[in-house]
C-alpha atoms as a PDB file:
ATOM      1  CA  MET A   1       0.023  -0.005  -0.017  1.00  0.00           C
ATOM      2  CA  ARG A   2       1.268   3.459  -0.954  1.00  0.00           C
ATOM      3  CA  VAL A   3       0.337   6.750   0.610  1.00  0.00           C
ATOM      4  CA  LEU A   4       1.211  10.026  -0.907  1.00  0.00           C
ATOM      5  CA  MET A   5       1.979  12.920   1.497  1.00  0.00           C
ATOM      6  CA  LEU A   6       1.693  16.322  -0.152  1.00  0.00           C
ATOM      7  CA  HIS A   7       3.290  19.201   1.661  1.00  0.00           C
ATOM      8  CA  GLY A   8       2.370  22.736   0.367  1.00  0.00           C
ATOM      9  CA  ILE A   9       3.700  26.147   0.160  1.00  0.00           C
ATOM     10  CA  ASN A  10       6.362  27.291   2.693  1.00  0.00           C
ATOM     11  CA  HIS A  11       6.476  23.888   4.452  1.00  0.00           C
ATOM     12  CA  ASN A  12      10.152  23.708   3.527  1.00  0.00           C
ATOM     13  CA  MET A  13      10.512  26.408   6.193  1.00  0.00           C
ATOM     14  CA  PHE A  14       9.055  24.355   9.049  1.00  0.00           C
ATOM     15  CA  GLY A  15      11.415  24.698  12.000  1.00  0.00           C
ATOM     16  CA  LYS A  16      12.163  28.292  11.147  1.00  0.00           C
ATOM     17  CA  ARG A  17       8.772  29.845  10.281  1.00  0.00           C
ATOM     18  CA  ASP A  18       6.398  30.958  13.023  1.00  0.00           C
ATOM     19  CA  PRO A  19       7.427  28.560  15.771  1.00  0.00           C
ATOM     20  CA  LYS A  20       4.421  29.642  17.885  1.00  0.00           C
ATOM     21  CA  GLN A  21       2.107  28.053  15.361  1.00  0.00           C
ATOM     22  CA  TYR A  22       4.240  25.294  13.944  1.00  0.00           C
ATOM     23  CA  GLY A  23       6.872  24.494  16.545  1.00  0.00           C
ATOM     24  CA  THR A  24      10.437  23.793  15.768  1.00  0.00           C
ATOM     25  CA  ILE A  25      10.044  20.477  13.992  1.00  0.00           C
ATOM     26  CA  THR A  26      11.471  20.395  10.447  1.00  0.00           C
ATOM     27  CA  LEU A  27       9.904  18.938   7.345  1.00  0.00           C
ATOM     28  CA  ASP A  28      12.571  16.267   7.296  1.00  0.00           C
ATOM     29  CA  GLU A  29      11.650  15.259  10.839  1.00  0.00           C
ATOM     30  CA  ILE A  30       7.949  15.133   9.894  1.00  0.00           C
ATOM     31  CA  ASN A  31       8.707  12.916   6.951  1.00  0.00           C
ATOM     32  CA  ALA A  32      10.829  10.621   9.118  1.00  0.00           C
ATOM     33  CA  SER A  33       7.991  10.305  11.642  1.00  0.00           C
ATOM     34  CA  LEU A  34       5.570   9.476   8.818  1.00  0.00           C
ATOM     35  CA  SER A  35       7.975   6.897   7.375  1.00  0.00           C
ATOM     36  CA  ALA A  36       8.403   5.242  10.733  1.00  0.00           C
ATOM     37  CA  LEU A  37       4.618   5.022  11.350  1.00  0.00           C
ATOM     38  CA  GLY A  38       4.200   3.858   7.744  1.00  0.00           C
ATOM     39  CA  GLN A  39       6.568   0.995   8.344  1.00  0.00           C
ATOM     40  CA  GLU A  40       4.684   0.106  11.527  1.00  0.00           C
ATOM     41  CA  LEU A  41       1.437   0.072   9.497  1.00  0.00           C
ATOM     42  CA  GLY A  42       2.956  -1.738   6.621  1.00  0.00           C
ATOM     43  CA  VAL A  43       2.653   1.062   4.076  1.00  0.00           C
ATOM     44  CA  GLU A  44       5.086   3.112   2.039  1.00  0.00           C
ATOM     45  CA  VAL A  45       4.795   6.893   2.479  1.00  0.00           C
ATOM     46  CA  GLN A  46       5.963   9.000  -0.410  1.00  0.00           C
ATOM     47  CA  ALA A  47       6.462  12.605   0.555  1.00  0.00           C
ATOM     48  CA  TYR A  48       6.509  15.581  -1.752  1.00  0.00           C
ATOM     49  CA  GLN A  49       6.885  19.331  -1.124  1.00  0.00           C
ATOM     50  CA  THR A  50       6.678  22.252  -3.538  1.00  0.00           C
ATOM     51  CA  ASN A  51       6.160  25.989  -3.385  1.00  0.00           C
ATOM     52  CA  CYS A  52       4.770  25.931  -6.967  1.00  0.00           C
ATOM     53  CA  GLU A  53       1.055  25.424  -7.415  1.00  0.00           C
ATOM     54  CA  GLY A  54       1.329  23.867 -10.879  1.00  0.00           C
ATOM     55  CA  LYS A  55       3.877  21.358  -9.688  1.00  0.00           C
ATOM     56  CA  MET A  56       1.562  20.346  -6.908  1.00  0.00           C
ATOM     57  CA  CYS A  57      -1.195  19.704  -9.437  1.00  0.00           C
ATOM     58  CA  GLU A  58       1.195  17.682 -11.559  1.00  0.00           C
ATOM     59  CA  ARG A  59       2.222  15.556  -8.567  1.00  0.00           C
ATOM     60  CA  ILE A  60      -1.424  14.905  -7.820  1.00  0.00           C
ATOM     61  CA  HIS A  61      -1.977  13.827 -11.365  1.00  0.00           C
ATOM     62  CA  GLN A  62       1.002  11.479 -11.060  1.00  0.00           C
ATOM     63  CA  GLY A  63      -0.410   9.979  -7.934  1.00  0.00           C
ATOM     64  CA  TYR A  64      -3.597   9.333  -9.845  1.00  0.00           C
ATOM     65  CA  GLN A  65      -1.634   7.630 -12.639  1.00  0.00           C
ATOM     66  CA  ASP A  66       0.434   5.614 -10.140  1.00  0.00           C
ATOM     67  CA  GLY A  67      -2.700   4.407  -8.400  1.00  0.00           C
ATOM     68  CA  VAL A  68      -1.659   5.560  -4.877  1.00  0.00           C
ATOM     69  CA  ASP A  69      -3.996   4.041  -2.167  1.00  0.00           C
ATOM     70  CA  ALA A  70      -4.495   7.349  -0.187  1.00  0.00           C
ATOM     71  CA  VAL A  71      -3.419  10.979  -0.279  1.00  0.00           C
ATOM     72  CA  LEU A  72      -2.685  13.190   2.682  1.00  0.00           C
ATOM     73  CA  ILE A  73      -2.437  16.935   2.007  1.00  0.00           C
ATOM     74  CA  ASN A  74      -1.289  19.910   4.098  1.00  0.00           C
ATOM     75  CA  ALA A  75      -1.491  22.548   1.402  1.00  0.00           C
ATOM     76  CA  GLY A  76      -0.752  25.408   3.715  1.00  0.00           C
ATOM     77  CA  ALA A  77      -2.293  28.724   2.430  1.00  0.00           C
ATOM     78  CA  TRP A  78      -3.386  27.069  -0.829  1.00  0.00           C
ATOM     79  CA  THR A  79      -6.084  25.373   1.277  1.00  0.00           C
ATOM     80  CA  HIS A  80      -7.978  28.599   1.360  1.00  0.00           C
ATOM     81  CA  TYR A  81      -8.035  29.616  -2.301  1.00  0.00           C
ATOM     82  CA  SER A  82      -6.489  27.113  -4.746  1.00  0.00           C
ATOM     83  CA  TYR A  83      -9.288  25.811  -6.942  1.00  0.00           C
ATOM     84  CA  GLY A  84      -6.608  24.390  -9.271  1.00  0.00           C
ATOM     85  CA  ILE A  85      -5.309  22.073  -6.520  1.00  0.00           C
ATOM     86  CA  ARG A  86      -8.962  21.343  -5.535  1.00  0.00           C
ATOM     87  CA  ASP A  87      -9.838  20.295  -9.095  1.00  0.00           C
ATOM     88  CA  ALA A  88      -6.658  18.099  -9.248  1.00  0.00           C
ATOM     89  CA  LEU A  89      -7.544  16.427  -5.911  1.00  0.00           C
ATOM     90  CA  ALA A  90     -11.076  15.805  -7.194  1.00  0.00           C
ATOM     91  CA  THR A  91      -9.743  13.552  -9.880  1.00  0.00           C
ATOM     92  CA  LEU A  92      -8.449  11.043  -7.233  1.00  0.00           C
ATOM     93  CA  THR A  93     -10.497   7.965  -6.589  1.00  0.00           C
ATOM     94  CA  CYS A  94      -8.652   7.135  -3.336  1.00  0.00           C
ATOM     95  CA  PRO A  95      -9.322   8.589   0.107  1.00  0.00           C
ATOM     96  CA  VAL A  96      -7.902  12.083   0.604  1.00  0.00           C
ATOM     97  CA  VAL A  97      -7.230  13.494   4.135  1.00  0.00           C
ATOM     98  CA  GLU A  98      -6.613  17.236   4.637  1.00  0.00           C
ATOM     99  CA  LEU A  99      -4.445  18.101   7.598  1.00  0.00           C
ATOM    100  CA  HIS A 100      -2.957  21.142   9.329  1.00  0.00           C
ATOM    101  CA  MET A 101      -0.548  21.410  12.233  1.00  0.00           C
ATOM    102  CA  SER A 102      -2.442  24.420  13.668  1.00  0.00           C
ATOM    103  CA  ASN A 103      -6.153  24.738  14.262  1.00  0.00           C
ATOM    104  CA  ILE A 104      -7.181  26.753  11.218  1.00  0.00           C
ATOM    105  CA  HIS A 105     -10.561  27.471  12.722  1.00  0.00           C
ATOM    106  CA  ALA A 106      -8.913  29.264  15.695  1.00  0.00           C
ATOM    107  CA  ARG A 107      -6.733  31.477  13.471  1.00  0.00           C
ATOM    108  CA  GLU A 108      -7.359  34.417  11.154  1.00  0.00           C
ATOM    109  CA  GLU A 109     -10.699  34.517   9.516  1.00  0.00           C
ATOM    110  CA  PHE A 110      -9.427  33.797   6.011  1.00  0.00           C
ATOM    111  CA  ARG A 111      -8.021  30.474   7.243  1.00  0.00           C
ATOM    112  CA  HIS A 112     -11.367  29.171   8.470  1.00  0.00           C
ATOM    113  CA  HIS A 113     -12.537  28.022   5.011  1.00  0.00           C
ATOM    114  CA  SER A 114     -10.995  25.161   3.103  1.00  0.00           C
ATOM    115  CA  VAL A 115     -11.792  24.937  -0.640  1.00  0.00           C
ATOM    116  CA  PHE A 116     -10.955  21.207  -0.320  1.00  0.00           C
ATOM    117  CA  GLY A 117     -13.570  20.557   2.353  1.00  0.00           C
ATOM    118  CA  GLU A 118     -16.271  19.314   0.003  1.00  0.00           C
ATOM    119  CA  ILE A 119     -14.033  16.779  -1.704  1.00  0.00           C
ATOM    120  CA  VAL A 120     -11.808  15.294   1.006  1.00  0.00           C
ATOM    121  CA  MET A 121     -12.756  12.459   3.273  1.00  0.00           C
ATOM    122  CA  GLY A 122     -11.988  14.521   6.338  1.00  0.00           C
ATOM    123  CA  GLN A 123      -9.833  17.171   7.931  1.00  0.00           C
ATOM    124  CA  ILE A 124      -7.456  16.888  10.927  1.00  0.00           C
ATOM    125  CA  CYS A 125      -6.153  20.028  12.472  1.00  0.00           C
ATOM    126  CA  GLY A 126      -4.631  21.532  15.573  1.00  0.00           C
ATOM    127  CA  PHE A 127      -2.541  18.666  16.884  1.00  0.00           C
ATOM    128  CA  GLY A 128       0.918  19.815  15.684  1.00  0.00           C
ATOM    129  CA  VAL A 129       3.002  17.009  14.143  1.00  0.00           C
ATOM    130  CA  ASP A 130       0.440  14.496  15.501  1.00  0.00           C
ATOM    131  CA  SER A 131      -1.930  15.912  12.895  1.00  0.00           C
ATOM    132  CA  TYR A 132       0.258  14.138  10.307  1.00  0.00           C
ATOM    133  CA  LEU A 133       0.310  10.899  12.176  1.00  0.00           C
ATOM    134  CA  LEU A 134      -3.381  10.890  12.786  1.00  0.00           C
ATOM    135  CA  ALA A 135      -3.991  11.623   9.081  1.00  0.00           C
ATOM    136  CA  LEU A 136      -1.820   8.724   8.112  1.00  0.00           C
ATOM    137  CA  ARG A 137      -3.685   6.324  10.371  1.00  0.00           C
ATOM    138  CA  ALA A 138      -7.051   7.640   8.988  1.00  0.00           C
ATOM    139  CA  GLY A 139      -5.916   7.406   5.353  1.00  0.00           C
ATOM    140  CA  VAL A 140      -4.587   3.869   5.735  1.00  0.00           C
ATOM    141  CA  SER A 141      -7.824   2.777   7.512  1.00  0.00           C
ATOM    142  CA  ALA A 142      -9.979   4.322   4.804  1.00  0.00           C
ATOM    143  CA  ALA A 143      -7.886   2.816   2.020  1.00  0.00           C
ATOM    144  CA  LYS A 144      -8.149  -0.705   3.595  1.00  0.00           C
ATOM    145  CA  ALA A 145     -11.858  -0.251   3.949  1.00  0.00           C
ATOM    146  CA  ALA A 146     -12.191   0.687   0.277  1.00  0.00           C
ATOM    147  CA  LYS A 147     -10.399  -2.440  -0.803  1.00  0.00           C
ATOM    148  CA  LYS A 148     -12.775  -4.764   0.967  1.00  0.00           C
END
């Protein structure tokens, strides 16, 4: 089973950017935690990060072509306005889980709305790095249920 983890805009700056919201954990550390949990769950986690919206769409398309079993996405600010990424995600036939380290509903007003909300299986937010691990567990569980 393969799970695609999509990291959005500015996530390469985790560990440096706004530690009050995101802590000091780096993207490499997040990916290592996901890989370790993936091994425990018997799944391969493929991580991808970009600051280019078009490249994110292309990676989603590639995930569709590769037949990934689940997609996890923390799109960062794109969550609130990228209909291009939303449309790319809508092509997927596997479970998609949206996640955020911070609680987007307790932050600035513009962050309260997700353009992905109507097409994703669910959203996990506010648990820091654990949001990633919870999303992986949820995505794997949903993918296994879909195969039955």
